């Protein structure tokens, strides 16, 4: 199927370049949020920045279009360059993750009358989406969450996350002693946890529990009387488990020490037969694309929304997700244009 050729969507491109040019590394999203409000104001849509920093532009709740404003750090000079095929690309931090999806949704929202939400803090703790869950009245009929999937991709599932810090202390003593110190206790516990979830290579990553230590510190205490260690860990949780089940398994291997579990996000897997998923397949085909159903191994705000809102949802947005957080982050503007067209089509079908 040949892709539909369309003229550049200059309004959408101007908004994207303006937002990409405004740094919005977590938690400094305020300037970019105000620029989004100005865009809605210019189209006669009520919008404001709420107490936590989210951009709220409520309208027809048949669809809530939502993505995040914040980015990870990284100074990538913002410019438009032509690639080897002569196609223009916008370079800059956040162009893919997730200002491309964010701006595409903002444009689609003002053109169709759909509700819009730009959230903060997704790259760190999802504080924006968690705040909305508590503060917003009512549940939307459908949610489209914005993350890069490629304009033909529809993301239906994300793994969950369980994160915490292992802490242990042991008496100090000569290193020749055979009994474990706290550092060995930490390593033994983590080895047992990894062994519990060891999978064959053929097992899809999405369906595995993957274990990752992200920081470790240990040694003799300042007073010289004990050995102390801390280890920050993350476990990615597939939909066949809950985070509580994974926590119970991990805690079951503790011999010494404790784990302070401080973050958990439940996995999510949506059906491809919901009205919103069907609308995307139809819209992508109408634009000359071939829909692809995706499952992502990380997490997103879709996990947060799905835990509290009983409504169909997908994640969608332009951009190559392999460029998330990368030093060469850039987005093809023709793809961005097509994603706006798809989002408008989907929203009109659902509204």
Protein backbone atom coordinates (compact mmCIF):
# COMPACT_ATOMS: atom_id res chain seq x y z
CA UNK A 1 0.00 0.00 0.00
CA UNK A 2 1.47 3.37 -1.01
CA UNK A 3 1.60 6.15 1.55
CA UNK A 4 -0.62 9.15 0.96
CA UNK A 5 1.42 12.19 -0.09
CA UNK A 6 0.35 15.35 1.72
CA UNK A 7 1.47 18.94 1.79
CA UNK A 8 3.58 20.02 4.78
CA UNK A 9 1.45 20.89 7.80
CA UNK A 10 3.17 24.19 8.53
CA UNK A 11 1.11 25.07 11.60
CA UNK A 12 1.93 21.73 13.20
CA UNK A 13 5.60 21.99 12.26
CA UNK A 14 5.89 25.51 13.65
CA UNK A 15 4.46 24.41 16.98
CA UNK A 16 6.79 21.42 17.18
CA UNK A 17 9.90 23.45 16.43
CA UNK A 18 8.88 26.12 18.96
CA UNK A 19 8.34 23.54 21.70
CA UNK A 20 11.56 21.64 20.92
CA UNK A 21 13.49 24.92 21.14
CA UNK A 22 12.28 25.38 24.73
CA UNK A 23 14.28 23.14 27.12
CA UNK A 24 11.96 21.22 29.44
CA UNK A 25 14.17 18.79 31.34
CA UNK A 26 12.32 17.44 34.38
CA UNK A 27 11.28 19.37 36.52
CA UNK A 28 11.69 22.58 34.49
CA UNK A 29 8.69 22.29 32.18
CA UNK A 30 7.06 25.67 32.93
CA UNK A 31 8.14 27.61 29.82
CA UNK A 32 7.12 24.86 27.43
CA UNK A 33 3.81 24.45 29.25
CA UNK A 34 3.04 28.16 28.87
CA UNK A 35 3.83 27.97 25.15
CA UNK A 36 1.29 25.16 24.76
CA UNK A 37 -1.32 27.24 26.58
CA UNK A 38 -0.64 30.10 24.15
CA UNK A 39 -1.27 27.71 21.24
CA UNK A 40 -4.66 26.71 22.63
CA UNK A 41 -5.52 30.34 23.41
CA UNK A 42 -4.80 31.29 19.80
CA UNK A 43 -7.43 28.78 18.70
CA UNK A 44 -10.06 29.98 21.14
CA UNK A 45 -9.65 26.98 23.43
CA UNK A 46 -9.58 27.34 27.19
CA UNK A 47 -6.33 25.99 28.63
CA UNK A 48 -4.29 26.53 31.77
CA UNK A 49 -1.34 25.21 33.78
CA UNK A 50 -2.52 23.41 36.91
CA UNK A 51 -0.95 23.36 40.37
CA UNK A 52 1.59 20.68 39.54
CA UNK A 53 2.51 22.05 36.09
CA UNK A 54 0.28 20.05 33.72
CA UNK A 55 -1.39 21.74 30.76
CA UNK A 56 -5.15 21.16 30.94
CA UNK A 57 -7.42 21.83 27.94
CA UNK A 58 -10.65 19.94 28.64
CA UNK A 59 -13.29 19.63 25.94
CA UNK A 60 -15.06 16.59 24.45
CA UNK A 61 -14.16 13.64 26.68
CA UNK A 62 -15.00 11.15 23.96
CA UNK A 63 -11.22 11.15 23.55
CA UNK A 64 -8.46 12.41 25.83
CA UNK A 65 -5.24 13.10 23.93
CA UNK A 66 -2.31 13.17 26.33
CA UNK A 67 1.49 13.17 26.26
CA UNK A 68 4.35 14.46 28.39
CA UNK A 69 6.14 17.80 28.28
CA UNK A 70 9.35 16.87 30.08
CA UNK A 71 12.51 15.40 28.56
CA UNK A 72 15.71 13.81 29.78
CA UNK A 73 18.85 16.00 29.81
CA UNK A 74 20.90 16.46 26.65
CA UNK A 75 21.98 19.45 24.60
CA UNK A 76 21.25 18.72 20.93
CA UNK A 77 21.40 21.85 18.74
CA UNK A 78 17.93 22.43 17.30
CA UNK A 79 17.89 22.58 13.51
CA UNK A 80 16.07 21.29 10.45
CA UNK A 81 18.24 19.28 8.06
CA UNK A 82 17.51 17.21 4.98
CA UNK A 83 18.40 13.53 5.15
CA UNK A 84 19.93 11.50 2.31
CA UNK A 85 16.48 11.18 0.70
CA UNK A 86 15.97 14.94 0.74
CA UNK A 87 13.37 14.72 3.52
CA UNK A 88 13.48 17.38 6.27
CA UNK A 89 14.21 16.24 9.82
CA UNK A 90 13.96 18.23 13.04
CA UNK A 91 16.85 17.62 15.43
CA UNK A 92 16.70 18.43 19.13
CA UNK A 93 16.19 16.95 22.56
CA UNK A 94 12.59 15.82 22.91
CA UNK A 95 11.80 15.87 19.19
CA UNK A 96 10.94 12.16 19.47
CA UNK A 97 10.38 11.61 23.19
CA UNK A 98 7.87 13.00 23.39
CA UNK A 99 7.40 16.50 21.93
CA UNK A 100 6.57 15.04 18.52
CA UNK A 101 3.61 13.08 19.93
CA UNK A 102 2.75 15.95 22.32
CA UNK A 103 2.48 18.59 19.59
CA UNK A 104 0.71 16.27 17.16
CA UNK A 105 -1.93 15.73 19.83
CA UNK A 106 -2.22 19.41 20.63
CA UNK A 107 -2.85 20.18 16.95
CA UNK A 108 -5.36 17.35 16.60
CA UNK A 109 -7.14 18.50 19.76
CA UNK A 110 -7.72 22.08 18.57
CA UNK A 111 -8.89 20.87 15.16
CA UNK A 112 -11.33 18.24 16.44
CA UNK A 113 -12.49 19.53 19.83
CA UNK A 114 -11.01 16.64 21.80
CA UNK A 115 -9.76 16.99 25.37
CA UNK A 116 -6.03 17.50 25.79
CA UNK A 117 -3.61 16.93 28.65
CA UNK A 118 0.11 17.69 28.67
CA UNK A 119 1.70 16.14 31.75
CA UNK A 120 4.94 16.74 33.62
CA UNK A 121 7.40 14.41 35.28
CA UNK A 122 6.91 11.33 33.12
CA UNK A 123 10.64 10.76 32.76
CA UNK A 124 11.09 10.57 36.55
CA UNK A 125 8.04 9.65 38.61
CA UNK A 126 4.91 10.35 36.50
CA UNK A 127 3.87 12.96 39.03
CA UNK A 128 1.74 14.77 36.45
CA UNK A 129 -0.38 11.79 35.44
CA UNK A 130 -0.70 10.63 39.05
CA UNK A 131 -1.95 14.08 40.05
CA UNK A 132 -4.55 14.10 37.27
CA UNK A 133 -5.87 10.70 38.36
CA UNK A 134 -6.64 12.18 41.78
CA UNK A 135 -7.74 15.64 40.65
CA UNK A 136 -9.71 15.12 37.44
CA UNK A 137 -13.47 14.63 37.53
CA UNK A 138 -14.80 11.67 35.58
CA UNK A 139 -13.20 9.11 33.29
CA UNK A 140 -12.73 9.80 29.58
CA UNK A 141 -14.39 7.46 27.10
CA UNK A 142 -11.02 6.69 25.48
CA UNK A 143 -7.38 7.67 26.00
CA UNK A 144 -4.63 8.13 23.43
CA UNK A 145 -1.28 8.40 25.20
CA UNK A 146 1.57 10.01 23.29
CA UNK A 147 4.89 8.20 22.92
CA UNK A 148 6.88 7.45 19.76
CA UNK A 149 5.61 4.35 17.98
CA UNK A 150 6.19 5.39 14.38
CA UNK A 151 3.18 6.79 12.53
CA UNK A 152 2.07 3.27 11.56
CA UNK A 153 2.59 1.75 15.01
CA UNK A 154 -0.03 1.26 17.74
CA UNK A 155 1.30 0.37 21.20
CA UNK A 156 -1.07 -1.83 23.21
CA UNK A 157 1.10 -2.99 26.09
CA UNK A 158 3.85 -1.97 28.51
CA UNK A 159 5.60 -3.90 31.21
CA UNK A 160 5.32 -2.67 34.78
CA UNK A 161 8.05 -1.59 37.18
CA UNK A 162 9.02 -2.52 40.73
CA UNK A 163 11.91 -0.55 42.21
CA UNK A 164 13.48 -0.39 45.63
CA UNK A 165 16.64 -0.20 47.74
CA UNK A 166 18.23 -3.15 49.52
CA UNK A 167 19.87 -2.21 52.83
CA UNK A 168 22.06 -4.45 55.01
CA UNK A 169 24.53 -4.11 57.88
CA UNK A 170 26.98 -6.62 59.34
CA UNK A 171 29.64 -6.51 62.03
CA UNK A 172 33.06 -5.46 60.82
CA UNK A 173 35.82 -8.00 60.96
CA UNK A 174 38.93 -9.22 59.23
CA UNK A 175 38.41 -9.95 55.54
CA UNK A 176 39.79 -13.47 56.09
CA UNK A 177 36.69 -14.49 58.06
CA UNK A 178 34.48 -16.97 56.14
CA UNK A 179 31.09 -15.59 57.14
CA UNK A 180 29.33 -13.13 54.84
CA UNK A 181 29.53 -9.41 55.27
CA UNK A 182 26.71 -7.09 54.21
CA UNK A 183 28.13 -6.63 50.72
CA UNK A 184 28.13 -10.39 50.13
CA UNK A 185 24.58 -10.59 51.50
CA UNK A 186 23.46 -8.03 48.94
CA UNK A 187 25.17 -9.85 46.08
CA UNK A 188 23.78 -13.24 47.17
CA UNK A 189 20.24 -11.88 47.44
CA UNK A 190 20.39 -10.30 44.01
CA UNK A 191 21.86 -13.45 42.45
CA UNK A 192 18.97 -15.46 43.90
CA UNK A 193 16.42 -12.98 42.52
CA UNK A 194 18.01 -13.08 39.06
CA UNK A 195 18.04 -16.87 39.18
CA UNK A 196 14.36 -16.95 40.05
CA UNK A 197 13.47 -15.16 36.81
CA UNK A 198 16.06 -16.64 34.47
CA UNK A 199 14.49 -17.33 31.06
CA UNK A 200 15.54 -19.04 27.86
CA UNK A 201 16.78 -16.80 25.07
CA UNK A 202 13.70 -17.55 22.93
CA UNK A 203 11.36 -16.02 25.50
CA UNK A 204 10.20 -12.57 24.24
CA UNK A 205 11.58 -9.76 26.41
CA UNK A 206 8.07 -8.36 26.90
CA UNK A 207 7.06 -11.62 28.61
CA UNK A 208 10.06 -11.79 30.95
CA UNK A 209 10.75 -10.37 34.38
CA UNK A 210 14.06 -8.58 33.86
CA UNK A 211 16.22 -7.59 36.82
CA UNK A 212 18.58 -4.64 36.82
CA UNK A 213 20.76 -3.24 39.63
CA UNK A 214 21.10 0.50 39.01
CA UNK A 215 23.35 1.59 41.89
CA UNK A 216 25.36 -0.06 44.68
CA UNK A 217 27.39 1.35 47.55
CA UNK A 218 29.10 -0.47 50.39
CA UNK A 219 32.02 -0.55 52.80
CA UNK A 220 33.15 0.04 56.35
CA UNK A 221 31.03 2.50 58.30
CA UNK A 222 32.50 5.81 59.45
CA UNK A 223 32.94 4.50 63.00
CA UNK A 224 34.67 1.36 61.74
CA UNK A 225 32.33 -0.99 63.61
CA UNK A 226 30.20 -2.35 60.77
CA UNK A 227 29.99 -3.07 57.08
CA UNK A 228 27.08 -1.36 55.35
CA UNK A 229 25.67 -1.70 51.87
CA UNK A 230 22.81 -0.31 49.81
CA UNK A 231 21.76 -1.43 46.36
CA UNK A 232 19.09 0.20 44.17
CA UNK A 233 17.29 -2.31 41.98
CA UNK A 234 14.57 -2.39 39.32
CA UNK A 235 12.47 -5.28 38.10
CA UNK A 236 10.40 -5.00 34.92
CA UNK A 237 7.10 -6.83 35.25
CA UNK A 238 5.19 -8.49 32.37
CA UNK A 239 1.37 -8.58 32.37
CA UNK A 240 1.21 -12.16 33.67
CA UNK A 241 2.37 -10.85 37.07
CA UNK A 242 1.42 -8.05 39.44
CA UNK A 243 4.09 -6.01 41.18
CA UNK A 244 2.96 -7.46 44.53
CA UNK A 245 3.61 -10.99 43.25
CA UNK A 246 7.11 -10.04 42.15
CA UNK A 247 7.77 -8.33 45.46
CA UNK A 248 6.73 -11.45 47.37
CA UNK A 249 9.08 -13.61 45.30
CA UNK A 250 12.00 -11.21 45.73
CA UNK A 251 11.43 -10.82 49.48
CA UNK A 252 11.35 -14.59 49.80
CA UNK A 253 15.08 -14.74 49.02
CA UNK A 254 16.11 -12.35 51.81
CA UNK A 255 18.46 -13.90 54.38
CA UNK A 256 19.88 -10.70 55.79
CA UNK A 257 18.92 -7.10 55.11
CA UNK A 258 15.66 -5.51 54.04
CA UNK A 259 14.28 -3.96 50.87
CA UNK A 260 12.47 -0.64 50.88
CA UNK A 261 10.21 -0.86 47.81
CA UNK A 262 9.50 2.74 46.85
CA UNK A 263 8.08 2.62 43.33
CA UNK A 264 5.67 0.32 41.58
CA UNK A 265 3.81 0.64 38.29
CA UNK A 266 1.49 -2.14 37.16
CA UNK A 267 1.87 -3.64 33.66
CA UNK A 268 -0.81 -2.99 31.05
CA UNK A 269 -2.00 -4.91 27.99
CA UNK A 270 -4.96 -3.64 25.94
CA UNK A 271 -7.02 -5.63 23.46
CA UNK A 272 -6.51 -4.91 19.74
CA UNK A 273 -10.29 -5.08 19.34
CA UNK A 274 -11.25 -1.98 21.33
CA UNK A 275 -12.94 0.91 19.49
CA UNK A 276 -9.82 3.07 19.80
CA UNK A 277 -7.50 0.37 18.43
CA UNK A 278 -9.86 -0.29 15.52
CA UNK A 279 -10.08 3.44 14.78
CA UNK A 280 -6.28 3.65 14.56
CA UNK A 281 -6.01 0.68 12.21
CA UNK A 282 -8.62 2.23 9.92
CA UNK A 283 -7.04 5.69 10.00
CA UNK A 284 -3.52 4.41 9.31
CA UNK A 285 -4.74 2.40 6.34
CA UNK A 286 -6.67 5.42 5.06
CA UNK A 287 -3.40 7.38 5.10
CA UNK A 288 -1.68 4.67 3.08
CA UNK A 289 0.07 2.90 5.96
CA UNK A 290 0.13 -0.65 7.28
CA UNK A 291 -0.77 -0.78 11.01
CA UNK A 292 1.65 -2.56 13.33
CA UNK A 293 0.66 -3.63 16.85
CA UNK A 294 3.43 -3.11 19.42
CA UNK A 295 4.31 -4.15 22.95
CA UNK A 296 6.96 -2.08 24.75
CA UNK A 297 9.39 -3.43 27.35
CA UNK A 298 9.50 -0.21 29.39
CA UNK A 299 6.72 1.75 31.10
CA UNK A 300 4.79 4.91 30.31
CA UNK A 301 1.97 7.04 31.66
CA UNK A 302 -0.43 4.61 29.97
CA UNK A 303 0.37 2.22 32.84
CA UNK A 304 -0.73 4.88 35.33
CA UNK A 305 -3.94 5.73 33.49
CA UNK A 306 -4.89 2.08 32.92
CA UNK A 307 -4.55 1.32 36.62
CA UNK A 308 -7.26 3.85 37.50
CA UNK A 309 -9.40 4.48 34.40
CA UNK A 310 -11.56 1.68 33.02
CA UNK A 311 -11.65 2.76 29.39
CA UNK A 312 -9.97 1.68 26.15
CA UNK A 313 -6.59 3.22 25.43
CA UNK A 314 -3.57 2.96 23.18
CA UNK A 315 -0.24 4.72 22.91
CA UNK A 316 0.62 6.38 19.61
CA UNK A 317 2.96 8.99 18.20
CA UNK A 318 5.45 9.83 15.47
CA UNK A 319 9.14 9.13 15.79
CA UNK A 320 11.59 6.24 16.01
CA UNK A 321 11.64 5.02 19.61
CA UNK A 322 15.24 3.82 19.13
CA UNK A 323 16.13 7.54 19.24
CA UNK A 324 14.57 8.06 22.70
CA UNK A 325 17.16 9.77 24.93
CA UNK A 326 19.79 9.35 22.19
CA UNK A 327 22.47 11.93 21.30
CA UNK A 328 21.19 11.98 17.69
CA UNK A 329 17.49 12.42 18.52
CA UNK A 330 15.55 13.70 15.49
CA UNK A 331 12.18 13.26 13.81
CA UNK A 332 11.17 13.13 10.15
CA UNK A 333 8.72 15.97 9.59
CA UNK A 334 6.74 14.15 6.88
CA UNK A 335 6.10 11.34 9.36
CA UNK A 336 5.05 13.91 11.96
CA UNK A 337 2.57 15.40 9.46
CA UNK A 338 1.06 11.98 8.75
CA UNK A 339 0.65 11.30 12.48
CA UNK A 340 -1.36 14.52 12.84
CA UNK A 341 -3.62 13.35 10.01
CA UNK A 342 -4.06 9.95 11.66
CA UNK A 343 -4.83 11.51 15.04
CA UNK A 344 -7.44 13.82 13.54
CA UNK A 345 -9.07 10.89 11.72
CA UNK A 346 -9.09 8.71 14.85
CA UNK A 347 -10.47 11.48 17.04
CA UNK A 348 -13.25 12.35 14.63
CA UNK A 349 -14.26 8.69 14.40
CA UNK A 350 -14.38 8.31 18.18
CA UNK A 351 -16.11 11.63 18.89
